Protein backbone atom coordinates (compact mmCIF):
# COMPACT_ATOMS: atom_id res chain seq x y z
CA UNK A 1 52.49 176.32 108.11
CA UNK A 2 51.48 174.38 104.90
CA UNK A 3 54.24 174.39 103.22
CA UNK A 4 56.20 173.27 106.60
CA UNK A 5 53.76 170.42 106.83
CA UNK A 6 54.45 169.10 103.39
CA UNK A 7 58.16 169.54 103.58
CA UNK A 8 57.92 167.52 106.45
CA UNK A 9 55.42 164.12 104.36
CA UNK A 10 57.44 164.51 101.50
CA UNK A 11 60.89 164.16 104.53
CA UNK A 12 59.28 161.14 106.34
CA UNK A 13 58.15 160.21 103.01
CA UNK A 14 61.96 160.12 101.64
CA UNK A 15 63.05 158.56 105.22
CA UNK A 16 61.05 155.90 104.68
CA UNK A 17 61.51 155.30 101.41
CA UNK A 18 65.55 154.99 102.58
CA UNK A 19 64.49 152.50 105.02
CA UNK A 20 62.71 150.75 102.90
CA UNK A 21 65.78 150.67 100.35
CA UNK A 22 67.87 149.29 102.89
CA UNK A 23 65.42 147.47 104.52
CA UNK A 24 65.38 145.32 101.49
CA UNK A 25 68.79 145.49 100.25
CA UNK A 26 70.00 143.93 103.29
CA UNK A 27 66.71 141.39 103.43
CA UNK A 28 67.73 140.26 99.64
CA UNK A 29 72.17 139.63 100.78
CA UNK A 30 70.90 138.10 103.98
CA UNK A 31 69.05 135.52 102.05
CA UNK A 32 71.90 135.47 99.37
CA UNK A 33 74.25 134.33 101.74
CA UNK A 34 71.89 130.64 102.31
CA UNK A 35 71.71 130.62 97.94
CA UNK A 36 74.45 128.22 96.04
CA UNK A 37 76.86 129.89 94.02
CA UNK A 38 77.68 130.38 89.94
CA UNK A 39 79.47 127.03 90.20
CA UNK A 40 80.29 124.27 87.86
CA UNK A 41 79.43 120.63 88.17
CA UNK A 42 83.40 120.03 88.49
CA UNK A 43 83.63 122.72 91.17
CA UNK A 44 85.72 125.25 92.10
CA UNK A 45 89.64 125.31 93.37
CA UNK A 46 90.78 128.44 95.07
CA UNK A 47 93.10 128.84 96.72
CA UNK A 48 93.81 130.39 99.82
CA UNK A 49 97.34 131.24 100.99
CA UNK A 50 98.63 132.24 104.51
CA UNK A 51 97.81 135.81 104.71
CA UNK A 52 95.13 136.04 102.38
CA UNK A 53 91.29 138.36 103.43
CA UNK A 54 88.72 137.09 103.37
CA UNK A 55 87.37 140.61 101.63
CA UNK A 56 90.50 139.25 98.69
CA UNK A 57 88.88 135.81 98.42
CA UNK A 58 85.45 137.71 98.36
CA UNK A 59 86.69 139.82 95.21
CA UNK A 60 88.16 136.84 93.38
CA UNK A 61 85.29 134.24 93.39
CA UNK A 62 83.20 137.92 92.06
CA UNK A 63 85.36 138.36 89.29
CA UNK A 64 84.94 134.97 87.74
CA UNK A 65 81.78 135.15 88.69
CA UNK A 66 80.87 132.32 91.16
CA UNK A 67 79.92 135.16 94.41
CA UNK A 68 76.77 137.42 92.99
CA UNK A 69 76.90 139.74 96.78
CA UNK A 70 80.48 139.61 97.46
CA UNK A 71 79.97 142.94 100.01
CA UNK A 72 77.35 140.80 101.24
CA UNK A 73 79.68 137.63 102.57
CA UNK A 74 82.40 140.03 104.00
CA UNK A 75 80.04 141.87 106.18
CA UNK A 76 78.52 139.29 107.44
CA UNK A 77 82.07 137.63 107.78
CA UNK A 78 83.25 140.67 109.69
CA UNK A 79 79.45 141.23 112.00
CA UNK A 80 80.09 137.23 112.68
CA UNK A 81 83.76 137.19 113.81
CA UNK A 82 84.73 134.79 111.46
CA UNK A 83 86.73 136.98 108.99
CA UNK A 84 89.80 136.71 111.48
CA UNK A 85 89.05 132.81 111.16
CA UNK A 86 89.60 131.76 107.85
CA UNK A 87 92.44 128.81 107.26
CA UNK A 88 94.76 128.50 104.50
CA UNK A 89 94.97 126.05 102.50
CA UNK A 90 93.49 124.74 99.03
CA UNK A 91 89.56 124.39 99.07
CA UNK A 92 87.29 122.77 96.11
CA UNK A 93 84.16 124.47 95.97
CA UNK A 94 81.81 121.94 94.92
CA UNK A 95 78.31 123.30 92.89
CA UNK A 96 75.10 124.06 95.46
CA UNK A 97 77.82 125.53 97.89
CA UNK A 98 76.15 128.71 99.13
CA UNK A 99 78.30 131.73 100.75
CA UNK A 100 77.29 130.53 103.91
CA UNK A 101 78.51 127.37 103.43
CA UNK A 102 81.99 128.43 102.21
CA UNK A 103 83.06 130.68 104.62
CA UNK A 104 82.17 127.35 107.33
CA UNK A 105 84.17 125.83 105.23
CA UNK A 106 87.26 127.96 105.64
CA UNK A 107 87.06 128.40 108.60
CA UNK A 108 86.39 124.68 109.79
CA UNK A 109 89.66 124.01 107.33
CA UNK A 110 87.67 121.76 105.82
CA UNK A 111 90.08 121.43 102.42
CA UNK A 112 90.76 119.59 99.08
CA UNK A 113 92.15 115.84 99.74
CA UNK A 114 93.72 113.56 97.59
CA UNK A 115 94.36 110.34 97.32
CA UNK A 116 97.20 108.16 97.00
CA UNK A 117 95.66 104.25 96.77
CA UNK A 118 99.02 101.64 97.95
CA UNK A 119 98.84 98.77 96.08
CA UNK A 120 98.77 95.44 97.35
CA UNK A 121 101.81 93.22 96.07
CA UNK A 122 103.96 96.59 95.45
CA UNK A 123 107.16 96.75 96.77
CA UNK A 124 108.83 99.66 99.03
CA UNK A 125 110.55 100.87 95.79
CA UNK A 126 106.82 100.93 94.25
CA UNK A 127 105.36 102.89 97.06
CA UNK A 128 108.64 105.87 96.82
CA UNK A 129 108.05 105.71 92.70
CA UNK A 130 104.37 106.95 93.66
CA UNK A 131 105.28 109.41 96.25
CA UNK A 132 107.65 111.13 94.36
CA UNK A 133 105.49 111.08 91.16
CA UNK A 134 102.11 112.44 93.22
CA UNK A 135 101.46 115.98 92.09
CA UNK A 136 100.06 116.93 95.91
CA UNK A 137 103.36 115.25 98.25
CA UNK A 138 106.14 116.93 99.05
CA UNK A 139 108.60 114.82 98.33
CA UNK A 140 111.26 117.14 98.24
CA UNK A 141 113.55 116.53 101.90
CA UNK A 142 112.28 112.67 101.32
CA UNK A 143 115.76 110.54 102.71
CA UNK A 144 114.07 107.22 101.55
CA UNK A 145 117.44 105.53 102.76
CA UNK A 146 116.75 106.28 106.33
CA UNK A 147 112.38 106.30 106.29
CA UNK A 148 112.73 103.28 109.31
CA UNK A 149 114.87 105.34 111.45
CA UNK A 150 112.67 108.36 110.50
CA UNK A 151 110.18 106.22 111.51
CA UNK A 152 111.43 105.39 114.82
CA UNK A 153 112.72 101.65 113.94
CA UNK A 154 115.89 102.04 113.15
CA UNK A 155 117.96 99.22 111.14
CA UNK A 156 114.23 97.60 110.23
CA UNK A 157 114.73 96.81 106.53
CA UNK A 158 110.99 99.45 105.36
CA UNK A 159 110.12 96.35 102.56
CA UNK A 160 106.24 95.50 104.31
CA UNK A 161 106.15 97.47 106.66
CA UNK A 162 103.36 99.69 105.29
CA UNK A 163 99.27 98.62 105.14
CA UNK A 164 98.77 99.04 100.95
CA UNK A 165 95.42 101.57 101.55
CA UNK A 166 93.81 104.26 100.21
CA UNK A 167 95.31 107.57 102.34
CA UNK A 168 93.86 111.26 102.14
CA UNK A 169 95.79 114.24 102.42
CA UNK A 170 95.94 118.21 101.72
CA UNK A 171 98.19 119.14 99.35
CA UNK A 172 101.85 119.15 100.56
CA UNK A 173 102.18 116.50 102.96
CA UNK A 174 105.40 115.33 102.83
CA UNK A 175 105.56 111.80 102.03
CA UNK A 176 107.11 110.57 105.69
CA UNK A 177 103.40 111.39 106.98
CA UNK A 178 101.89 109.53 104.22
CA UNK A 179 104.32 106.80 104.51
CA UNK A 180 103.54 106.75 108.45
CA UNK A 181 100.31 106.34 108.83
CA UNK A 182 100.29 103.20 106.40
CA UNK A 183 103.21 102.31 108.74
CA UNK A 184 101.19 102.94 111.82
CA UNK A 185 97.90 101.06 109.83
CA UNK A 186 100.21 97.75 108.95
CA UNK A 187 101.56 97.60 112.38
CA UNK A 188 98.12 97.05 113.85
CA UNK A 189 97.67 94.71 111.20
CA UNK A 190 99.81 93.04 111.99
CA UNK A 191 99.25 92.64 116.00
CA UNK A 192 95.79 92.05 115.12
CA UNK A 193 96.49 89.08 113.22
CA UNK A 194 99.17 88.13 115.01
CA UNK A 195 96.84 87.22 118.08
CA UNK A 196 94.78 85.33 115.69
CA UNK A 197 97.77 82.75 115.61
CA UNK A 198 97.51 79.21 116.94
CA UNK A 199 100.53 77.62 115.65
CA UNK A 200 104.02 77.51 117.24
CA UNK A 201 106.35 75.37 115.39
CA UNK A 202 106.82 77.29 112.15
CA UNK A 203 106.73 80.83 112.21
CA UNK A 204 107.85 82.43 115.35
CA UNK A 205 107.15 86.21 115.23
CA UNK A 206 104.67 89.01 114.27
CA UNK A 207 107.90 89.59 111.46
CA UNK A 208 107.98 86.51 110.04
CA UNK A 209 104.35 86.58 109.72
CA UNK A 210 104.83 89.43 107.46
CA UNK A 211 107.50 88.08 105.17
CA UNK A 212 105.14 84.88 104.80
CA UNK A 213 102.15 86.80 104.19
CA UNK A 214 104.50 88.92 101.47
CA UNK A 215 105.16 86.43 99.06
CA UNK A 216 101.71 85.17 99.81
CA UNK A 217 100.41 88.21 97.93
CA UNK A 218 103.15 88.09 95.16
CA UNK A 219 102.19 84.00 94.44
CA UNK A 220 98.55 84.07 94.35
CA UNK A 221 95.77 87.30 93.46
CA UNK A 222 92.83 85.08 94.12
CA UNK A 223 91.67 85.45 98.02
CA UNK A 224 90.13 81.46 97.64
CA UNK A 225 93.41 80.17 97.38
CA UNK A 226 95.87 82.69 100.34
CA UNK A 227 95.21 80.20 102.82
CA UNK A 228 96.08 76.98 100.67
CA UNK A 229 99.04 78.55 99.53
CA UNK A 230 99.98 79.19 103.33
CA UNK A 231 98.98 75.49 104.18
CA UNK A 232 101.62 74.36 100.98
CA UNK A 233 104.53 76.06 102.31
CA UNK A 234 103.90 75.70 106.08
CA UNK A 235 104.37 72.10 105.84
CA UNK A 236 107.16 72.51 104.14
CA UNK A 237 108.68 75.11 106.63
CA UNK A 238 107.72 72.07 108.93
CA UNK A 239 109.11 69.38 107.09
CA UNK A 240 112.27 71.70 106.39
CA UNK A 241 111.56 71.85 102.98
CA UNK A 242 112.64 74.65 100.38
CA UNK A 243 109.71 76.92 99.72
CA UNK A 244 110.82 77.14 96.41
CA UNK A 245 108.96 80.33 95.69
CA UNK A 246 109.14 81.64 92.23
CA UNK A 247 108.56 85.55 93.43
CA UNK A 248 111.28 85.74 96.54
CA UNK A 249 113.82 84.44 93.35
CA UNK A 250 112.69 87.57 91.34
CA UNK A 251 113.06 90.09 94.56
CA UNK A 252 116.80 88.70 95.02
CA UNK A 253 117.69 89.34 91.59
CA UNK A 254 116.31 93.34 91.54
CA UNK A 255 116.91 95.20 88.91
CA UNK A 256 118.92 92.26 86.73
CA UNK A 257 115.52 91.08 86.31
CA UNK A 258 114.15 91.36 82.74
CA UNK A 259 110.98 89.96 83.16
CA UNK A 260 111.40 86.31 82.26
CA UNK A 261 112.25 84.12 84.76
CA UNK A 262 114.63 81.24 83.78
CA UNK A 263 115.62 78.12 84.67
CA UNK A 264 119.50 79.55 85.75
CA UNK A 265 118.05 82.08 87.77
CA UNK A 266 116.62 79.67 90.49
CA UNK A 267 119.62 78.31 90.79
CA UNK A 268 121.17 81.78 91.16
CA UNK A 269 122.03 82.04 95.54
CA UNK A 270 120.41 85.20 96.71
CA UNK A 271 119.85 85.90 100.35
CA UNK A 272 116.07 85.95 99.05
CA UNK A 273 116.33 82.67 96.61
CA UNK A 274 114.26 80.13 98.52
CA UNK A 275 115.62 77.15 95.82
CA UNK A 276 118.54 77.40 97.41
CA UNK A 277 118.45 78.77 100.86
CA UNK A 278 115.89 76.79 103.50
CA UNK A 279 113.43 78.52 105.66
CA UNK A 280 111.80 82.16 104.86
CA UNK A 281 113.77 85.10 103.04
CA UNK A 282 115.67 87.25 105.47
CA UNK A 283 112.63 90.11 104.91
CA UNK A 284 109.40 90.47 103.40
CA UNK A 285 109.16 90.97 99.41
CA UNK A 286 106.17 92.40 98.95
CA UNK A 287 103.43 94.69 101.05
CA UNK A 288 100.99 92.15 102.14
CA UNK A 289 97.14 92.69 102.34
CA UNK A 290 94.43 91.87 105.15
CA UNK A 291 94.35 88.88 102.99
CA UNK A 292 97.47 87.53 103.43
CA UNK A 293 98.29 88.65 106.46
CA UNK A 294 95.18 86.37 107.84
CA UNK A 295 96.15 83.36 105.88
CA UNK A 296 99.70 83.49 107.00
CA UNK A 297 98.36 83.25 110.56
CA UNK A 298 95.50 80.77 109.17
CA UNK A 299 97.23 77.65 107.11
CA UNK A 300 94.57 75.82 105.87
CA UNK A 301 94.93 72.13 106.79
CA UNK A 302 95.14 69.34 104.10
CA UNK A 303 98.24 67.78 102.56
CA UNK A 304 99.02 69.56 99.49
CA UNK A 305 102.83 70.44 99.15
CA UNK A 306 102.78 71.71 95.72
CA UNK A 307 101.46 74.14 93.79
CA UNK A 308 101.46 75.43 89.63
CA UNK A 309 99.50 77.88 87.67
CA UNK A 310 96.78 76.59 85.72
CA UNK A 311 97.07 78.24 82.76
CA UNK A 312 93.27 79.30 82.86
CA UNK A 313 93.51 82.49 82.42
CA UNK A 314 92.04 83.21 86.12
CA UNK A 315 95.54 83.50 88.16
CA UNK A 316 94.61 79.93 89.64
CA UNK A 317 96.67 77.46 90.43
CA UNK A 318 96.52 73.44 90.22
CA UNK A 319 97.87 71.71 93.83
CA UNK A 320 99.50 68.21 94.13
CA UNK A 321 100.13 66.31 97.21
CA UNK A 322 103.00 64.08 95.79
CA UNK A 323 106.02 65.31 93.72
CA UNK A 324 104.96 63.32 91.18
CA UNK A 325 101.78 64.32 90.75
CA UNK A 326 103.41 67.79 90.72
CA UNK A 327 105.04 67.29 88.04
CA UNK A 328 103.02 65.85 85.90
CA UNK A 329 101.42 68.86 86.55
CA UNK A 330 103.48 71.09 85.30
CA UNK A 331 105.06 69.11 82.82
CA UNK A 332 101.17 69.98 81.22
CA UNK A 333 100.73 73.34 82.06
CA UNK A 334 104.61 74.12 79.83
CA UNK A 335 102.92 72.18 77.37
CA UNK A 336 99.68 74.69 77.24
CA UNK A 337 97.61 72.06 78.48
CA UNK A 338 95.09 74.23 81.16
CA UNK A 339 94.99 72.54 84.51
CA UNK A 340 91.70 71.65 86.68
CA UNK A 341 91.35 73.33 89.73
CA UNK A 342 91.95 70.53 92.40
CA UNK A 343 89.40 70.52 95.11
CA UNK A 344 90.61 71.70 98.78
CA UNK A 345 91.61 69.03 100.57
């Protein structure tokens, strides 16, 4: 009888110990789901290809020393049903991420996003080059010649049609998808600024505003000058004067431009040479930013008809009302004598 009782006590104690160990293990495992994983400060890239199981992901992270309790994450995901909701993609596991946080990231599809910044003043060709050279953009089937048709605007010249901004996207995004974002952003902004245009004697369409904005963009990098330059161009157009904008000549020269604009280039006729042709060029010459677009439809008042670089090294210009004053300013600039900036009139 005593021996039976002793065996029962020993069995009960053993079962209790097992239960205690199991409970302790489960408690540790549960707490580990919210403990930061061993991720370096720079983070860890994780590629999840279609069909990858959570077990495979957990095992890989365990082999790399990032995840200490792989089985706990796998068990929890299976119990919650999240193991079947993992989305493929490229992920960045940042420092401080817990296993539970990683699972939420994989289920919600918060993949790593790359950046591409389209710079104000770039041409469409510059943008295409940036897309083709970007590591995360899929440009294999990209045809720049048919881009506007692909965007639903066949026959439209692509220059100026894309808003300069920073765009974020996952690896493998087609080039056309990035350009579609930029095109829609430009159309929205153009519609917005055109609604602010009050003059009726110069610009007759949003496209003409876009064209003028692209010239302003190439003429100055100083925001405080954009409306002033716009005013010069508006007054010249109103009076039937040619714009005589060097950037349009350069654009028309294309690959023939070697970085040095010569006097002979100014008389070399192309559709974009505003020294030989009146009015605006047939298309924009670059991608204008918001400030240039706003300036194109809101020119500064005044009487100035000319401007030339001051030579001060800050990108500023000297504005003149008369041709004689302008010629004197040009002569001083060409002689290497810096010009003081003129106050807005």
